[in-house]
């Protein structure tokens, strides 16, 4: 029997609790579990809850609930805090530390493992991936992304229909997505688009500077041909002569946002058209009605695999999801070194997808997973309205 501590860190997803439940159901059979409150902050301050019957049932009840039920958030995990955290683990005789998270979480977990070795403490560390941005390295994708991409695609399609019906009043709408330096989510906005008339009519990704002339040309063309235009922009996008916009700085971390408002002002001045900027906001990572069935199944399996690796004695690894080389979609879970994951940095969209969105949508399709109700055309062919 092992003494396991598990926590959640970073921005939550709609399926991060599913991964936790998958791990707990598998690990609780032969091990003692402790749960860490509020991620690395709780680890630093020694905030653990023993996995008694009440706590275990409460966690299992969160299998399909968005947010991180243990508390997550972001925390400045300094070298001093890491050293303190390891001392807390030693004091509680924790054998295994497991964290569910993204880039920052895996980097921090790797540092905990290094510090434990420095303190001559035998500590097994396992990382379970999650992200809505799909910017985590050493994995094809991570739980949370499929559901977020599905939400963005659905929201864009529905908001496009909304704007189409209001184009005698409002002509241009700019939707801002999450994504920081990676455009996976913003690019997903066109997944359900079936005709040129439907939005989005222009997508801006942070991997490339935003060319004002290209943007203006695309919007003008859409207005001329269809009477309305939908623009989707990732929060990390910057104009070719500018910098990324910061909405705020919290705990030393830049919170990006505001590029949609800048684009709104630019298009208003250039086109004299009624223009509105909208943030898709936190619904991208928490809207339970848009959870992908594939995403939730893979999130659960990541937890189960992580728990099995605890039993096998693997350490200093993250559960990586790789596509099997077959015609049909299949994911194989393999260990990826935490050191390698930490050194990869943010995973951005490759040019092969940026320059060929149809190839990206083919890659994305099995992750979104669920069949979606098709919409009728915006108007029947050759429709003429007369007095």
Protein backbone atom coordinates (compact mmCIF):
# COMPACT_ATOMS: atom_id res chain seq x y z
CA UNK A 1 0.00 0.00 0.00
CA UNK A 2 1.26 3.45 -0.95
CA UNK A 3 0.57 6.83 0.61
CA UNK A 4 -0.52 9.02 -2.32
CA UNK A 5 -1.15 12.76 -2.43
CA UNK A 6 -2.94 14.22 -5.44
CA UNK A 7 -3.76 17.78 -6.47
CA UNK A 8 -5.08 19.84 -9.38
CA UNK A 9 -3.34 22.97 -10.67
CA UNK A 10 -3.68 25.70 -13.28
CA UNK A 11 -6.83 26.68 -15.11
CA UNK A 12 -9.55 24.03 -14.75
CA UNK A 13 -11.30 22.29 -17.63
CA UNK A 14 -14.73 20.74 -17.99
CA UNK A 15 -13.19 17.26 -17.55
CA UNK A 16 -10.36 17.75 -15.03
CA UNK A 17 -12.51 16.18 -12.30
CA UNK A 18 -13.10 13.18 -14.58
CA UNK A 19 -9.36 12.51 -14.62
CA UNK A 20 -9.28 12.82 -10.83
CA UNK A 21 -12.13 10.33 -10.49
CA UNK A 22 -10.49 7.89 -12.91
CA UNK A 23 -7.32 8.00 -10.82
CA UNK A 24 -9.14 7.73 -7.50
CA UNK A 25 -11.31 4.78 -8.50
CA UNK A 26 -8.24 2.86 -9.63
CA UNK A 27 -5.89 3.89 -6.82
CA UNK A 28 -8.25 3.65 -3.84
CA UNK A 29 -8.40 -0.14 -4.12
CA UNK A 30 -4.93 -0.73 -2.66
CA UNK A 31 -3.60 2.64 -1.49
CA UNK A 32 -4.17 5.42 1.00
CA UNK A 33 -5.13 8.72 -0.60
CA UNK A 34 -4.64 12.31 0.50
CA UNK A 35 -6.04 15.30 -1.37
CA UNK A 36 -4.25 18.64 -1.69
CA UNK A 37 -6.28 21.84 -1.46
CA UNK A 38 -5.71 24.58 -4.07
CA UNK A 39 -2.86 22.99 -5.97
CA UNK A 40 0.72 24.00 -5.26
CA UNK A 41 -0.38 26.64 -2.78
CA UNK A 42 -1.94 23.94 -0.62
CA UNK A 43 1.13 21.76 -1.05
CA UNK A 44 3.33 24.61 0.15
CA UNK A 45 1.15 25.25 3.19
CA UNK A 46 0.56 21.60 4.03
CA UNK A 47 -3.18 21.64 3.32
CA UNK A 48 -4.05 17.95 2.93
CA UNK A 49 -7.31 16.11 3.42
CA UNK A 50 -7.29 12.41 4.19
CA UNK A 51 -9.31 10.33 1.76
CA UNK A 52 -11.96 9.04 4.14
CA UNK A 53 -15.27 7.60 3.01
CA UNK A 54 -17.02 10.99 3.00
CA UNK A 55 -14.32 12.75 0.96
CA UNK A 56 -14.01 9.88 -1.50
CA UNK A 57 -17.75 9.82 -2.17
CA UNK A 58 -17.78 13.61 -2.60
CA UNK A 59 -14.96 13.42 -5.16
CA UNK A 60 -16.57 10.56 -7.07
CA UNK A 61 -19.77 12.62 -7.29
CA UNK A 62 -17.78 15.23 -9.30
CA UNK A 63 -16.98 12.93 -12.21
CA UNK A 64 -19.06 15.00 -14.65
CA UNK A 65 -18.83 18.39 -12.93
CA UNK A 66 -16.69 21.24 -14.42
CA UNK A 67 -14.11 23.15 -12.41
CA UNK A 68 -11.46 21.61 -10.15
CA UNK A 69 -13.21 20.23 -7.07
CA UNK A 70 -10.00 20.18 -5.00
CA UNK A 71 -9.31 23.83 -5.82
CA UNK A 72 -6.75 24.77 -8.41
CA UNK A 73 -5.61 28.27 -9.29
CA UNK A 74 -2.15 29.61 -10.00
CA UNK A 75 0.61 30.06 -7.47
CA UNK A 76 4.16 31.36 -7.42
CA UNK A 77 5.94 28.09 -6.66
CA UNK A 78 9.37 29.44 -5.73
CA UNK A 79 12.43 27.33 -4.89
CA UNK A 80 11.78 28.05 -1.22
CA UNK A 81 8.16 26.91 -1.56
CA UNK A 82 9.24 23.76 -3.36
CA UNK A 83 11.65 22.92 -0.56
CA UNK A 84 8.90 23.52 2.00
CA UNK A 85 6.47 21.37 0.04
CA UNK A 86 8.86 18.42 0.01
CA UNK A 87 9.29 18.74 3.76
CA UNK A 88 5.50 18.55 4.17
CA UNK A 89 5.43 15.40 2.04
CA UNK A 90 8.21 13.85 4.14
CA UNK A 91 6.41 14.73 7.36
CA UNK A 92 3.28 12.93 6.12
CA UNK A 93 5.30 9.99 4.76
CA UNK A 94 3.87 10.50 1.27
CA UNK A 95 5.28 7.94 -1.18
CA UNK A 96 3.72 9.33 -4.35
CA UNK A 97 2.79 12.81 -5.55
CA UNK A 98 0.37 13.15 -8.46
CA UNK A 99 -0.72 16.41 -10.09
CA UNK A 100 -3.24 17.07 -12.84
CA UNK A 101 -2.27 20.10 -14.90
CA UNK A 102 -0.65 21.71 -17.90
CA UNK A 103 2.74 23.18 -18.80
CA UNK A 104 3.38 25.05 -15.57
CA UNK A 105 2.12 22.16 -13.48
CA UNK A 106 4.43 19.65 -15.13
CA UNK A 107 7.42 21.98 -14.84
CA UNK A 108 6.70 22.47 -11.14
CA UNK A 109 6.19 18.74 -10.58
CA UNK A 110 9.54 18.03 -12.20
CA UNK A 111 11.17 20.50 -9.81
CA UNK A 112 9.52 18.80 -6.82
CA UNK A 113 11.02 15.49 -7.94
CA UNK A 114 14.46 17.08 -8.25
CA UNK A 115 14.18 18.71 -4.83
CA UNK A 116 13.03 15.45 -3.22
CA UNK A 117 16.11 13.73 -4.63
CA UNK A 118 18.28 16.57 -3.29
CA UNK A 119 16.75 16.03 0.15
CA UNK A 120 17.38 12.29 -0.30
CA UNK A 121 13.66 11.58 -0.09
CA UNK A 122 12.36 8.72 -2.21
CA UNK A 123 9.32 10.28 -3.86
CA UNK A 124 7.44 8.95 -6.87
CA UNK A 125 5.96 11.72 -9.06
CA UNK A 126 3.35 11.29 -11.80
CA UNK A 127 1.78 13.98 -14.00
CA UNK A 128 -1.69 13.73 -15.52
CA UNK A 129 -2.23 16.16 -18.45
CA UNK A 130 -4.99 18.70 -18.93
CA UNK A 131 -5.36 21.83 -21.03
CA UNK A 132 -7.97 23.77 -22.95
CA UNK A 133 -5.35 25.55 -25.07
CA UNK A 134 -3.71 22.35 -26.38
CA UNK A 135 -0.34 23.99 -25.77
CA UNK A 136 1.07 21.13 -23.65
CA UNK A 137 4.11 19.47 -25.20
CA UNK A 138 4.91 15.77 -25.66
CA UNK A 139 1.29 14.74 -26.20
CA UNK A 140 -1.01 14.69 -29.23
CA UNK A 141 -3.58 16.60 -27.18
CA UNK A 142 -4.71 16.66 -23.58
CA UNK A 143 -8.05 16.19 -21.80
CA UNK A 144 -10.04 19.41 -21.75
CA UNK A 145 -9.08 20.59 -25.21
CA UNK A 146 -11.66 18.59 -27.15
CA UNK A 147 -14.55 19.98 -25.12
CA UNK A 148 -13.22 23.55 -25.30
CA UNK A 149 -12.75 23.26 -29.07
CA UNK A 150 -16.27 21.91 -29.43
CA UNK A 151 -17.65 24.85 -27.43
CA UNK A 152 -15.77 27.41 -29.51
CA UNK A 153 -16.95 25.81 -32.76
CA UNK A 154 -20.56 25.65 -31.58
CA UNK A 155 -20.54 29.18 -30.16
CA UNK A 156 -19.09 30.60 -33.37
CA UNK A 157 -21.66 28.83 -35.52
CA UNK A 158 -24.55 29.97 -33.31
CA UNK A 159 -23.32 33.55 -32.91
CA UNK A 160 -22.88 33.70 -36.68
CA UNK A 161 -26.53 32.74 -37.14
CA UNK A 162 -27.48 35.37 -34.59
CA UNK A 163 -25.53 38.09 -36.40
CA UNK A 164 -26.89 37.00 -39.79
CA UNK A 165 -30.40 37.64 -38.50
CA UNK A 166 -29.42 41.10 -37.21
CA UNK A 167 -27.30 42.34 -40.09
CA UNK A 168 -29.61 45.28 -40.83
CA UNK A 169 -28.66 46.53 -37.37
CA UNK A 170 -25.18 45.11 -36.66
CA UNK A 171 -22.70 44.07 -39.33
CA UNK A 172 -19.42 42.92 -37.75
CA UNK A 173 -18.76 40.78 -34.69
CA UNK A 174 -15.32 39.90 -33.28
CA UNK A 175 -15.11 36.86 -31.01
CA UNK A 176 -12.07 36.51 -28.74
CA UNK A 177 -10.99 33.06 -27.58
CA UNK A 178 -8.50 31.72 -25.07
CA UNK A 179 -5.18 30.36 -26.29
CA UNK A 180 -2.36 32.68 -25.22
CA UNK A 181 0.41 31.89 -27.72
CA UNK A 182 -1.27 28.91 -29.38
CA UNK A 183 -4.11 29.15 -31.89
CA UNK A 184 -5.66 25.69 -31.57
CA UNK A 185 -8.89 26.99 -30.00
CA UNK A 186 -9.38 29.99 -32.27
CA UNK A 187 -8.77 27.83 -35.34
CA UNK A 188 -11.43 25.37 -34.12
CA UNK A 189 -14.04 28.12 -34.59
CA UNK A 190 -14.52 27.14 -38.23
CA UNK A 191 -14.97 23.42 -37.61
CA UNK A 192 -18.75 23.44 -38.27
CA UNK A 193 -18.61 25.91 -41.16
CA UNK A 194 -20.04 24.36 -44.34
CA UNK A 195 -20.37 27.32 -46.75
CA UNK A 196 -18.42 30.50 -47.47
CA UNK A 197 -21.40 32.58 -46.34
CA UNK A 198 -21.30 31.20 -42.81
CA UNK A 199 -18.94 32.60 -40.20
CA UNK A 200 -16.16 32.80 -39.33
CA UNK A 201 -15.01 34.87 -42.29
CA UNK A 202 -11.58 35.59 -40.82
CA UNK A 203 -9.54 33.81 -38.11
CA UNK A 204 -6.49 35.40 -36.48
CA UNK A 205 -3.97 33.16 -34.70
CA UNK A 206 -1.11 34.19 -32.37
CA UNK A 207 1.43 32.18 -34.36
CA UNK A 208 1.37 34.91 -37.02
CA UNK A 209 1.22 38.72 -36.68
CA UNK A 210 -2.17 40.10 -37.65
CA UNK A 211 -1.98 41.89 -40.98
CA UNK A 212 -4.44 44.80 -40.89
CA UNK A 213 -4.83 44.91 -44.66
CA UNK A 214 -5.68 41.21 -44.88
CA UNK A 215 -8.19 41.58 -42.05
CA UNK A 216 -9.78 44.62 -43.68
CA UNK A 217 -9.97 42.93 -47.07
CA UNK A 218 -11.61 39.80 -45.64
CA UNK A 219 -14.20 41.78 -43.69
CA UNK A 220 -14.98 44.06 -46.65
CA UNK A 221 -15.46 41.02 -48.90
CA UNK A 222 -17.83 39.37 -46.40
CA UNK A 223 -19.83 42.58 -45.99
CA UNK A 224 -20.11 43.01 -49.76
CA UNK A 225 -21.08 39.40 -50.43
CA UNK A 226 -23.13 38.51 -47.36
CA UNK A 227 -23.94 41.72 -45.49
CA UNK A 228 -22.19 40.64 -42.31
CA UNK A 229 -18.80 39.43 -41.08
CA UNK A 230 -17.63 37.28 -38.17
CA UNK A 231 -14.00 37.54 -37.06
CA UNK A 232 -12.44 35.13 -34.55
CA UNK A 233 -9.24 36.13 -32.78
CA UNK A 234 -7.13 34.39 -30.17
CA UNK A 235 -6.32 36.45 -27.06
CA UNK A 236 -2.59 36.24 -27.86
CA UNK A 237 -2.83 37.83 -31.31
CA UNK A 238 -0.93 41.06 -31.94
CA UNK A 239 -0.98 43.43 -34.91
CA UNK A 240 2.15 43.21 -37.07
CA UNK A 241 3.40 46.49 -35.60
CA UNK A 242 2.28 45.86 -32.03
CA UNK A 243 2.54 43.67 -28.96
CA UNK A 244 0.23 41.25 -27.20
CA UNK A 245 -2.33 43.06 -25.07
CA UNK A 246 -2.40 42.37 -21.34
CA UNK A 247 -5.70 42.59 -19.54
CA UNK A 248 -3.99 42.31 -16.17
CA UNK A 249 -1.00 40.86 -14.29
CA UNK A 250 -1.81 38.52 -11.41
CA UNK A 251 0.93 36.97 -9.28
CA UNK A 252 3.50 37.93 -11.88
CA UNK A 253 1.57 36.17 -14.66
CA UNK A 254 0.36 38.23 -17.61
CA UNK A 255 -3.36 37.80 -18.29
CA UNK A 256 -3.85 38.39 -22.00
CA UNK A 257 -6.96 39.94 -23.48
CA UNK A 258 -8.34 42.95 -25.26
CA UNK A 259 -7.26 42.40 -28.86
CA UNK A 260 -10.91 42.04 -29.94
CA UNK A 261 -11.65 45.56 -28.67
CA UNK A 262 -8.65 46.89 -30.56
CA UNK A 263 -9.88 45.21 -33.73
CA UNK A 264 -13.37 46.58 -33.07
CA UNK A 265 -12.05 50.14 -32.98
CA UNK A 266 -9.94 49.59 -36.09
CA UNK A 267 -12.85 48.20 -38.14
CA UNK A 268 -15.26 50.86 -36.91
CA UNK A 269 -12.92 53.59 -38.07
CA UNK A 270 -12.17 51.95 -41.41
CA UNK A 271 -15.63 50.67 -42.34
CA UNK A 272 -18.06 52.88 -40.44
CA UNK A 273 -20.06 49.68 -39.77
CA UNK A 274 -21.74 48.68 -36.54
CA UNK A 275 -19.17 46.44 -34.86
CA UNK A 276 -19.15 44.52 -31.60
CA UNK A 277 -16.35 42.69 -29.75
CA UNK A 278 -17.25 39.75 -27.51
CA UNK A 279 -15.21 37.51 -25.21
CA UNK A 280 -16.19 33.86 -25.25
CA UNK A 281 -14.79 33.88 -21.72
CA UNK A 282 -14.58 31.13 -19.12
CA UNK A 283 -17.45 29.20 -20.69
CA UNK A 284 -14.81 27.79 -23.05
CA UNK A 285 -13.38 25.69 -20.24
CA UNK A 286 -16.47 25.07 -18.10
CA UNK A 287 -19.61 24.70 -20.22
CA UNK A 288 -20.82 21.23 -19.29
CA UNK A 289 -23.35 21.00 -22.14
CA UNK A 290 -20.54 21.08 -24.73
CA UNK A 291 -18.39 18.35 -23.24
CA UNK A 292 -17.08 15.97 -25.89
CA UNK A 293 -17.86 12.32 -25.17
CA UNK A 294 -14.42 11.40 -26.53
CA UNK A 295 -12.80 13.99 -24.27
CA UNK A 296 -14.50 12.71 -21.14
CA UNK A 297 -13.62 9.08 -21.96
CA UNK A 298 -9.97 9.96 -22.52
CA UNK A 299 -9.85 12.13 -19.40
CA UNK A 300 -11.03 9.20 -17.31
CA UNK A 301 -8.58 6.79 -18.93
CA UNK A 302 -5.66 9.16 -18.26
CA UNK A 303 -6.49 8.92 -14.56
CA UNK A 304 -6.75 5.13 -14.66
CA UNK A 305 -3.43 4.79 -16.48
CA UNK A 306 -1.71 7.17 -14.06
CA UNK A 307 -2.91 5.07 -11.12
CA UNK A 308 -1.69 1.86 -12.78
CA UNK A 309 1.73 3.46 -13.29
CA UNK A 310 1.86 4.23 -9.57
CA UNK A 311 1.52 0.49 -8.95
CA UNK A 312 4.19 -0.27 -11.57
CA UNK A 313 6.64 2.12 -9.97
CA UNK A 314 7.04 4.60 -12.86
CA UNK A 315 8.22 8.03 -11.76
CA UNK A 316 9.11 11.47 -13.10
CA UNK A 317 6.74 10.96 -16.03
CA UNK A 318 3.55 12.41 -17.46
CA UNK A 319 0.85 10.37 -19.16
CA UNK A 320 1.25 11.21 -22.86
CA UNK A 321 -1.49 10.57 -25.42
CA UNK A 322 -0.25 9.41 -28.82
CA UNK A 323 -2.23 8.46 -31.91
CA UNK A 324 -1.73 4.92 -33.11
CA UNK A 325 -0.62 4.66 -36.73
CA UNK A 326 -3.90 3.33 -38.03
CA UNK A 327 -6.60 4.59 -40.37
CA UNK A 328 -9.13 4.69 -37.55
CA UNK A 329 -8.56 6.91 -34.52
CA UNK A 330 -6.93 5.26 -31.51
CA UNK A 331 -4.97 6.74 -28.62
CA UNK A 332 -2.06 4.98 -26.93
CA UNK A 333 -0.97 6.25 -23.52
CA UNK A 334 2.79 6.35 -23.03
CA UNK A 335 5.11 7.82 -20.38
CA UNK A 336 6.83 11.11 -21.26
CA UNK A 337 9.68 12.38 -19.12
CA UNK A 338 8.66 15.37 -16.99
CA UNK A 339 12.03 16.91 -17.78
CA UNK A 340 11.30 16.64 -21.50
CA UNK A 341 7.78 18.02 -21.08
CA UNK A 342 9.13 20.96 -19.08
CA UNK A 343 11.77 21.74 -21.70
CA UNK A 344 9.27 21.64 -24.60
CA UNK A 345 7.57 24.91 -23.66
CA UNK A 346 4.28 25.92 -25.23
CA UNK A 347 3.14 23.80 -28.17
CA UNK A 348 1.89 26.04 -30.97
CA UNK A 349 -0.02 25.10 -34.09
CA UNK A 350 2.22 23.81 -36.91
CA UNK A 351 2.23 25.69 -40.20
CA UNK A 352 0.82 22.59 -41.90
CA UNK A 353 -2.43 23.23 -39.97
CA UNK A 354 -2.33 27.03 -40.04
CA UNK A 355 -1.99 27.05 -43.83
CA UNK A 356 -4.48 24.21 -44.32
CA UNK A 357 -7.37 24.41 -41.87
CA UNK A 358 -9.12 21.49 -43.56
CA UNK A 359 -6.21 19.26 -42.53
CA UNK A 360 -6.53 20.62 -39.00
CA UNK A 361 -10.26 19.92 -38.92
CA UNK A 362 -9.63 16.36 -40.06
CA UNK A 363 -7.17 15.97 -37.16
CA UNK A 364 -9.64 17.63 -34.76
CA UNK A 365 -12.76 15.67 -35.76
CA UNK A 366 -12.26 12.56 -33.58
CA UNK A 367 -11.35 14.69 -30.56
CA UNK A 368 -14.59 16.67 -30.77
CA UNK A 369 -16.10 13.26 -31.20
CA UNK A 370 -19.84 13.73 -31.16
CA UNK A 371 -22.10 14.06 -34.21
CA UNK A 372 -23.60 17.53 -34.32
CA UNK A 373 -27.02 18.43 -35.69
CA UNK A 374 -26.57 20.03 -39.09
CA UNK A 375 -28.15 23.41 -39.77
CA UNK A 376 -30.21 24.24 -42.85
CA UNK A 377 -28.78 26.81 -45.30
CA UNK A 378 -28.95 30.45 -44.31
CA UNK A 379 -31.58 30.89 -47.04
CA UNK A 380 -32.99 28.61 -49.76
CA UNK A 381 -31.35 28.99 -53.15
CA UNK A 382 -32.76 31.68 -55.45
CA UNK A 383 -34.94 33.10 -52.67
CA UNK A 384 -36.33 36.49 -53.65
CA UNK A 385 -38.30 38.73 -51.29
CA UNK A 386 -40.63 41.17 -53.05
CA UNK A 387 -43.02 43.85 -51.91
